[in-house]
């Protein structure tokens, strides 16, 4: 919830430089200042564009994996005798996908964070 407001003054040169920079980034004044506040307070970057789309795709893939895990649990809880080699292979594939996705996600976020910090001139590395 956004409940706090900031009020401050800039010189004309600072204001013009800020306006030019945010126009190049395609951001509103509020969004640019919010992103700066998040970066300097170590709250993390705001994800948009391709990064946001990639994160949404990861979420979709996680839902599919969750459905598969629920199906496995239902079979095991139903009392039916599963085909254990097939079950183990399936669990192995799901585990591999989860590990790969976690690594990709960490890399994606780290790269987006670095890009955001470069854009606003913040360095936390």
N, C-alpha and C. Protein backbone atom coordinates (compact mmCIF):
# COMPACT_ATOMS: atom_id res chain seq x y z
N UNK A 1 0.84 -1.17 0.00
CA UNK A 1 0.00 0.00 0.00
C UNK A 1 0.89 1.24 0.00
N UNK A 2 0.60 2.13 -0.87
CA UNK A 2 1.38 3.36 -0.99
C UNK A 2 0.66 4.45 -0.19
N UNK A 3 1.20 4.79 0.98
CA UNK A 3 0.52 5.75 1.84
C UNK A 3 1.39 6.96 2.21
N UNK A 4 2.66 6.94 1.88
CA UNK A 4 3.56 8.04 2.24
C UNK A 4 3.90 8.87 1.01
N UNK A 5 3.98 10.18 1.20
CA UNK A 5 4.32 11.08 0.10
C UNK A 5 5.59 11.84 0.45
N UNK A 6 6.37 12.15 -0.58
CA UNK A 6 7.59 12.95 -0.42
C UNK A 6 7.41 14.26 -1.17
N UNK A 7 7.92 15.32 -0.58
CA UNK A 7 7.90 16.63 -1.24
C UNK A 7 9.31 17.20 -1.15
N UNK A 8 9.88 17.59 -2.30
CA UNK A 8 11.21 18.16 -2.28
C UNK A 8 11.39 19.07 -3.49
N UNK A 9 12.43 19.87 -3.43
CA UNK A 9 12.73 20.84 -4.49
C UNK A 9 13.98 20.42 -5.24
N UNK A 10 14.01 20.76 -6.54
CA UNK A 10 15.16 20.53 -7.40
C UNK A 10 15.55 21.84 -8.06
N UNK A 11 16.81 21.94 -8.43
CA UNK A 11 17.21 23.08 -9.25
C UNK A 11 16.62 22.87 -10.65
N UNK A 12 16.62 23.90 -11.44
CA UNK A 12 16.09 23.77 -12.79
C UNK A 12 16.88 22.73 -13.58
N UNK A 13 18.20 22.74 -13.45
CA UNK A 13 19.05 21.79 -14.18
C UNK A 13 18.77 20.36 -13.72
N UNK A 14 18.59 20.16 -12.41
CA UNK A 14 18.27 18.82 -11.91
C UNK A 14 16.92 18.35 -12.45
N UNK A 15 15.96 19.28 -12.45
CA UNK A 15 14.62 18.94 -12.93
C UNK A 15 14.65 18.54 -14.41
N UNK A 16 15.32 19.34 -15.23
CA UNK A 16 15.40 19.05 -16.67
C UNK A 16 16.12 17.72 -16.89
N UNK A 17 17.22 17.51 -16.21
CA UNK A 17 17.96 16.26 -16.34
C UNK A 17 17.11 15.06 -15.94
N UNK A 18 16.35 15.22 -14.86
CA UNK A 18 15.47 14.15 -14.39
C UNK A 18 14.38 13.87 -15.42
N UNK A 19 13.76 14.91 -15.94
CA UNK A 19 12.69 14.75 -16.94
C UNK A 19 13.22 14.04 -18.18
N UNK A 20 14.38 14.43 -18.67
CA UNK A 20 14.96 13.81 -19.85
C UNK A 20 15.23 12.32 -19.58
N UNK A 21 15.81 12.04 -18.43
CA UNK A 21 16.16 10.66 -18.09
C UNK A 21 14.91 9.78 -18.01
N UNK A 22 13.87 10.25 -17.34
CA UNK A 22 12.68 9.39 -17.19
C UNK A 22 11.91 9.26 -18.50
N UNK A 23 11.97 10.28 -19.34
CA UNK A 23 11.33 10.16 -20.65
C UNK A 23 12.04 9.10 -21.49
N UNK A 24 13.37 9.06 -21.41
CA UNK A 24 14.13 8.04 -22.14
C UNK A 24 13.81 6.64 -21.63
N UNK A 25 13.53 6.52 -20.34
CA UNK A 25 13.20 5.22 -19.74
C UNK A 25 11.72 4.88 -19.87
N UNK A 26 10.92 5.88 -20.27
CA UNK A 26 9.48 5.65 -20.40
C UNK A 26 8.79 5.53 -19.06
N UNK A 27 9.27 6.28 -18.07
CA UNK A 27 8.69 6.22 -16.73
C UNK A 27 8.02 7.53 -16.34
N UNK A 28 7.06 7.44 -15.45
CA UNK A 28 6.49 8.65 -14.86
C UNK A 28 7.43 9.11 -13.76
N UNK A 29 7.24 10.35 -13.30
CA UNK A 29 8.05 10.85 -12.19
C UNK A 29 7.88 9.96 -10.96
N UNK A 30 6.64 9.62 -10.65
CA UNK A 30 6.36 8.79 -9.47
C UNK A 30 7.04 7.43 -9.58
N UNK A 31 6.93 6.80 -10.73
CA UNK A 31 7.51 5.47 -10.90
C UNK A 31 9.03 5.54 -10.82
N UNK A 32 9.65 6.55 -11.41
CA UNK A 32 11.10 6.68 -11.36
C UNK A 32 11.58 6.87 -9.92
N UNK A 33 10.90 7.73 -9.17
CA UNK A 33 11.28 7.95 -7.78
C UNK A 33 11.02 6.71 -6.93
N UNK A 34 9.93 6.01 -7.20
CA UNK A 34 9.62 4.79 -6.47
C UNK A 34 10.71 3.73 -6.71
N UNK A 35 11.13 3.60 -7.97
CA UNK A 35 12.18 2.63 -8.30
C UNK A 35 13.50 3.01 -7.62
N UNK A 36 13.81 4.29 -7.61
CA UNK A 36 15.03 4.74 -6.94
C UNK A 36 14.95 4.42 -5.45
N UNK A 37 13.82 4.71 -4.82
CA UNK A 37 13.65 4.43 -3.39
C UNK A 37 13.79 2.94 -3.11
N UNK A 38 13.21 2.10 -3.97
CA UNK A 38 13.33 0.64 -3.78
C UNK A 38 14.79 0.20 -3.91
N UNK A 39 15.50 0.75 -4.86
CA UNK A 39 16.89 0.34 -5.08
C UNK A 39 17.79 0.76 -3.93
N UNK A 40 17.67 2.00 -3.48
CA UNK A 40 18.57 2.48 -2.41
C UNK A 40 18.19 1.92 -1.05
N UNK A 41 16.97 1.43 -0.90
CA UNK A 41 16.57 0.83 0.38
C UNK A 41 16.71 -0.69 0.37
N UNK A 42 17.33 -1.22 -0.68
CA UNK A 42 17.53 -2.67 -0.86
C UNK A 42 16.22 -3.44 -0.89
N UNK A 43 15.15 -2.80 -1.38
CA UNK A 43 13.86 -3.48 -1.51
C UNK A 43 13.78 -4.26 -2.82
N UNK A 44 14.76 -4.08 -3.67
CA UNK A 44 14.77 -4.80 -4.95
C UNK A 44 14.18 -3.97 -6.06
N UNK A 45 14.48 -4.37 -7.29
CA UNK A 45 14.00 -3.61 -8.45
C UNK A 45 12.55 -3.91 -8.77
N UNK A 46 11.99 -3.08 -9.62
CA UNK A 46 10.67 -3.31 -10.17
C UNK A 46 10.88 -3.99 -11.52
N UNK A 47 10.20 -5.09 -11.75
CA UNK A 47 10.38 -5.82 -12.99
C UNK A 47 9.32 -5.40 -14.00
N UNK A 48 9.77 -5.12 -15.23
CA UNK A 48 8.85 -4.77 -16.30
C UNK A 48 9.39 -5.28 -17.62
N UNK A 49 8.62 -5.12 -18.67
CA UNK A 49 9.05 -5.53 -20.00
C UNK A 49 9.32 -7.01 -20.11
N UNK A 50 10.44 -7.35 -20.74
CA UNK A 50 10.79 -8.75 -20.98
C UNK A 50 10.99 -9.52 -19.68
N UNK A 51 11.55 -8.86 -18.67
CA UNK A 51 11.77 -9.54 -17.39
C UNK A 51 10.44 -9.90 -16.75
N UNK A 52 9.49 -8.98 -16.76
CA UNK A 52 8.16 -9.25 -16.20
C UNK A 52 7.51 -10.42 -16.95
N UNK A 53 7.63 -10.41 -18.28
CA UNK A 53 7.06 -11.49 -19.09
C UNK A 53 7.71 -12.82 -18.76
N UNK A 54 9.03 -12.82 -18.56
CA UNK A 54 9.74 -14.05 -18.22
C UNK A 54 9.29 -14.56 -16.85
N UNK A 55 9.10 -13.67 -15.90
CA UNK A 55 8.65 -14.07 -14.56
C UNK A 55 7.24 -14.65 -14.64
N UNK A 56 6.39 -14.06 -15.44
CA UNK A 56 5.04 -14.61 -15.63
C UNK A 56 5.10 -16.01 -16.24
N UNK A 57 6.01 -16.22 -17.17
CA UNK A 57 6.16 -17.54 -17.78
C UNK A 57 6.66 -18.55 -16.75
N UNK A 58 7.60 -18.13 -15.89
CA UNK A 58 8.06 -19.01 -14.81
C UNK A 58 6.88 -19.40 -13.92
N UNK A 59 6.04 -18.43 -13.60
CA UNK A 59 4.87 -18.72 -12.75
C UNK A 59 3.95 -19.73 -13.43
N UNK A 60 3.75 -19.57 -14.73
CA UNK A 60 2.89 -20.51 -15.46
C UNK A 60 3.49 -21.92 -15.41
N UNK A 61 4.80 -22.00 -15.63
CA UNK A 61 5.47 -23.30 -15.59
C UNK A 61 5.39 -23.93 -14.20
N UNK A 62 5.52 -23.11 -13.16
CA UNK A 62 5.41 -23.64 -11.80
C UNK A 62 4.02 -24.20 -11.53
N UNK A 63 3.00 -23.55 -12.07
CA UNK A 63 1.64 -24.06 -11.91
C UNK A 63 1.51 -25.44 -12.55
N UNK A 64 2.09 -25.61 -13.73
CA UNK A 64 2.04 -26.91 -14.42
C UNK A 64 2.76 -27.97 -13.59
N UNK A 65 3.92 -27.61 -13.05
CA UNK A 65 4.66 -28.56 -12.20
C UNK A 65 3.83 -28.90 -10.96
N UNK A 66 3.18 -27.91 -10.38
CA UNK A 66 2.33 -28.15 -9.21
C UNK A 66 1.20 -29.11 -9.53
N UNK A 67 0.58 -28.96 -10.70
CA UNK A 67 -0.48 -29.88 -11.11
C UNK A 67 0.07 -31.30 -11.21
N UNK A 68 1.25 -31.44 -11.80
CA UNK A 68 1.87 -32.77 -11.92
C UNK A 68 2.15 -33.37 -10.54
N UNK A 69 2.63 -32.57 -9.63
CA UNK A 69 2.90 -33.06 -8.27
C UNK A 69 1.60 -33.49 -7.59
N UNK A 70 0.54 -32.72 -7.77
CA UNK A 70 -0.77 -33.10 -7.20
C UNK A 70 -1.26 -34.42 -7.78
N UNK A 71 -1.05 -34.62 -9.07
CA UNK A 71 -1.47 -35.89 -9.69
C UNK A 71 -0.70 -37.06 -9.08
N UNK A 72 0.60 -36.87 -8.86
CA UNK A 72 1.41 -37.92 -8.24
C UNK A 72 0.89 -38.21 -6.83
N UNK A 73 0.62 -37.15 -6.07
CA UNK A 73 0.12 -37.34 -4.70
C UNK A 73 -1.21 -38.07 -4.69
N UNK A 74 -2.11 -37.74 -5.62
CA UNK A 74 -3.41 -38.42 -5.68
C UNK A 74 -3.25 -39.91 -5.96
N UNK A 75 -2.36 -40.25 -6.88
CA UNK A 75 -2.11 -41.66 -7.19
C UNK A 75 -1.58 -42.39 -5.96
N UNK A 76 -0.61 -41.77 -5.29
CA UNK A 76 -0.02 -42.41 -4.11
C UNK A 76 -1.03 -42.54 -2.97
N UNK A 77 -1.91 -41.56 -2.82
CA UNK A 77 -2.90 -41.59 -1.73
C UNK A 77 -4.12 -42.45 -2.05
N UNK A 78 -4.29 -42.81 -3.30
CA UNK A 78 -5.48 -43.57 -3.69
C UNK A 78 -5.39 -45.05 -3.36
N UNK A 79 -4.22 -45.50 -3.04
CA UNK A 79 -4.05 -46.92 -2.77
C UNK A 79 -3.68 -47.73 -4.00
N UNK A 80 -3.73 -47.09 -5.17
CA UNK A 80 -3.32 -47.80 -6.39
C UNK A 80 -1.82 -48.01 -6.36
N UNK A 81 -1.38 -49.07 -6.96
CA UNK A 81 0.05 -49.35 -7.04
C UNK A 81 0.61 -48.67 -8.28
N UNK A 82 1.45 -47.66 -8.07
CA UNK A 82 2.01 -46.95 -9.23
C UNK A 82 3.14 -47.75 -9.88
N UNK A 83 3.43 -47.40 -11.09
CA UNK A 83 4.59 -47.95 -11.79
C UNK A 83 5.79 -47.15 -11.29
N UNK A 84 6.50 -47.71 -10.31
CA UNK A 84 7.55 -46.96 -9.61
C UNK A 84 8.67 -46.46 -10.51
N UNK A 85 9.17 -47.22 -11.47
CA UNK A 85 10.22 -46.66 -12.34
C UNK A 85 9.73 -45.43 -13.11
N UNK A 86 8.50 -45.50 -13.61
CA UNK A 86 7.94 -44.35 -14.33
C UNK A 86 7.74 -43.18 -13.38
N UNK A 87 7.24 -43.47 -12.18
CA UNK A 87 7.02 -42.44 -11.17
C UNK A 87 8.34 -41.77 -10.79
N UNK A 88 9.37 -42.55 -10.54
CA UNK A 88 10.67 -41.99 -10.19
C UNK A 88 11.25 -41.14 -11.32
N UNK A 89 11.08 -41.61 -12.55
CA UNK A 89 11.57 -40.83 -13.69
C UNK A 89 10.84 -39.49 -13.79
N UNK A 90 9.52 -39.53 -13.57
CA UNK A 90 8.72 -38.30 -13.60
C UNK A 90 9.13 -37.32 -12.51
N UNK A 91 9.33 -37.84 -11.31
CA UNK A 91 9.77 -36.98 -10.20
C UNK A 91 11.15 -36.41 -10.50
N UNK A 92 12.01 -37.22 -11.09
CA UNK A 92 13.34 -36.74 -11.47
C UNK A 92 13.27 -35.60 -12.47
N UNK A 93 12.38 -35.74 -13.47
CA UNK A 93 12.22 -34.67 -14.47
C UNK A 93 11.69 -33.39 -13.82
N UNK A 94 10.70 -33.53 -12.93
CA UNK A 94 10.14 -32.36 -12.24
C UNK A 94 11.22 -31.67 -11.40
N UNK A 95 12.02 -32.46 -10.70
CA UNK A 95 13.09 -31.90 -9.87
C UNK A 95 14.09 -31.15 -10.73
N UNK A 96 14.47 -31.75 -11.86
CA UNK A 96 15.43 -31.10 -12.77
C UNK A 96 14.86 -29.79 -13.29
N UNK A 97 13.58 -29.79 -13.67
CA UNK A 97 12.94 -28.57 -14.17
C UNK A 97 12.92 -27.49 -13.10
N UNK A 98 12.59 -27.87 -11.86
CA UNK A 98 12.54 -26.90 -10.77
C UNK A 98 13.92 -26.29 -10.49
N UNK A 99 14.95 -27.12 -10.49
CA UNK A 99 16.30 -26.63 -10.23
C UNK A 99 16.74 -25.69 -11.36
N UNK A 100 16.49 -26.08 -12.61
CA UNK A 100 16.87 -25.22 -13.74
C UNK A 100 16.10 -23.90 -13.69
N UNK A 101 14.82 -23.98 -13.37
CA UNK A 101 14.01 -22.76 -13.31
C UNK A 101 14.49 -21.84 -12.20
N UNK A 102 14.85 -22.39 -11.05
CA UNK A 102 15.35 -21.58 -9.94
C UNK A 102 16.64 -20.88 -10.33
N UNK A 103 17.54 -21.59 -11.00
CA UNK A 103 18.80 -20.99 -11.44
C UNK A 103 18.56 -19.89 -12.47
N UNK A 104 17.68 -20.15 -13.43
CA UNK A 104 17.35 -19.14 -14.44
C UNK A 104 16.73 -17.91 -13.80
N UNK A 105 15.82 -18.13 -12.85
CA UNK A 105 15.12 -17.03 -12.19
C UNK A 105 16.10 -16.16 -11.40
N UNK A 106 17.03 -16.80 -10.67
CA UNK A 106 18.03 -16.04 -9.91
C UNK A 106 18.88 -15.19 -10.85
N UNK A 107 19.30 -15.77 -11.96
CA UNK A 107 20.11 -15.05 -12.93
C UNK A 107 19.33 -13.89 -13.54
N UNK A 108 18.08 -14.16 -13.91
CA UNK A 108 17.22 -13.13 -14.49
C UNK A 108 17.06 -11.95 -13.53
N UNK A 109 16.78 -12.25 -12.27
CA UNK A 109 16.59 -11.20 -11.27
C UNK A 109 17.88 -10.43 -11.01
N UNK A 110 19.00 -11.14 -10.93
CA UNK A 110 20.28 -10.47 -10.70
C UNK A 110 20.61 -9.53 -11.84
N UNK A 111 20.40 -9.97 -13.07
CA UNK A 111 20.68 -9.12 -14.23
C UNK A 111 19.74 -7.92 -14.26
N UNK A 112 18.46 -8.14 -13.94
CA UNK A 112 17.50 -7.02 -13.93
C UNK A 112 17.86 -6.03 -12.83
N UNK A 113 18.29 -6.53 -11.68
CA UNK A 113 18.68 -5.65 -10.58
C UNK A 113 19.88 -4.79 -10.97
N UNK A 114 20.88 -5.41 -11.60
CA UNK A 114 22.07 -4.66 -12.04
C UNK A 114 21.70 -3.60 -13.07
N UNK A 115 20.82 -3.98 -14.02
CA UNK A 115 20.40 -3.03 -15.04
C UNK A 115 19.66 -1.86 -14.41
N UNK A 116 18.78 -2.14 -13.46
CA UNK A 116 18.02 -1.07 -12.79
C UNK A 116 18.96 -0.16 -12.01
N UNK A 117 19.95 -0.74 -11.34
CA UNK A 117 20.89 0.07 -10.58
C UNK A 117 21.73 0.95 -11.49
N UNK A 118 22.11 0.42 -12.65
CA UNK A 118 22.87 1.25 -13.62
C UNK A 118 22.01 2.40 -14.11
N UNK A 119 20.73 2.14 -14.34
CA UNK A 119 19.85 3.18 -14.87
C UNK A 119 19.68 4.34 -13.91
N UNK A 120 19.70 4.05 -12.62
CA UNK A 120 19.50 5.14 -11.66
C UNK A 120 20.76 5.51 -10.91
N UNK A 121 21.89 4.90 -11.28
CA UNK A 121 23.17 5.27 -10.70
C UNK A 121 23.39 4.78 -9.28
N UNK A 122 22.84 3.60 -8.96
CA UNK A 122 23.01 3.01 -7.62
C UNK A 122 23.84 1.76 -7.77
N UNK A 123 24.81 1.56 -6.86
CA UNK A 123 25.63 0.36 -6.92
C UNK A 123 25.68 -0.28 -5.54
N UNK A 124 25.06 -1.50 -5.45
CA UNK A 124 25.03 -2.25 -4.19
C UNK A 124 25.81 -3.54 -4.27
N UNK A 125 26.63 -3.75 -5.30
CA UNK A 125 27.38 -5.02 -5.44
C UNK A 125 28.61 -5.04 -4.66
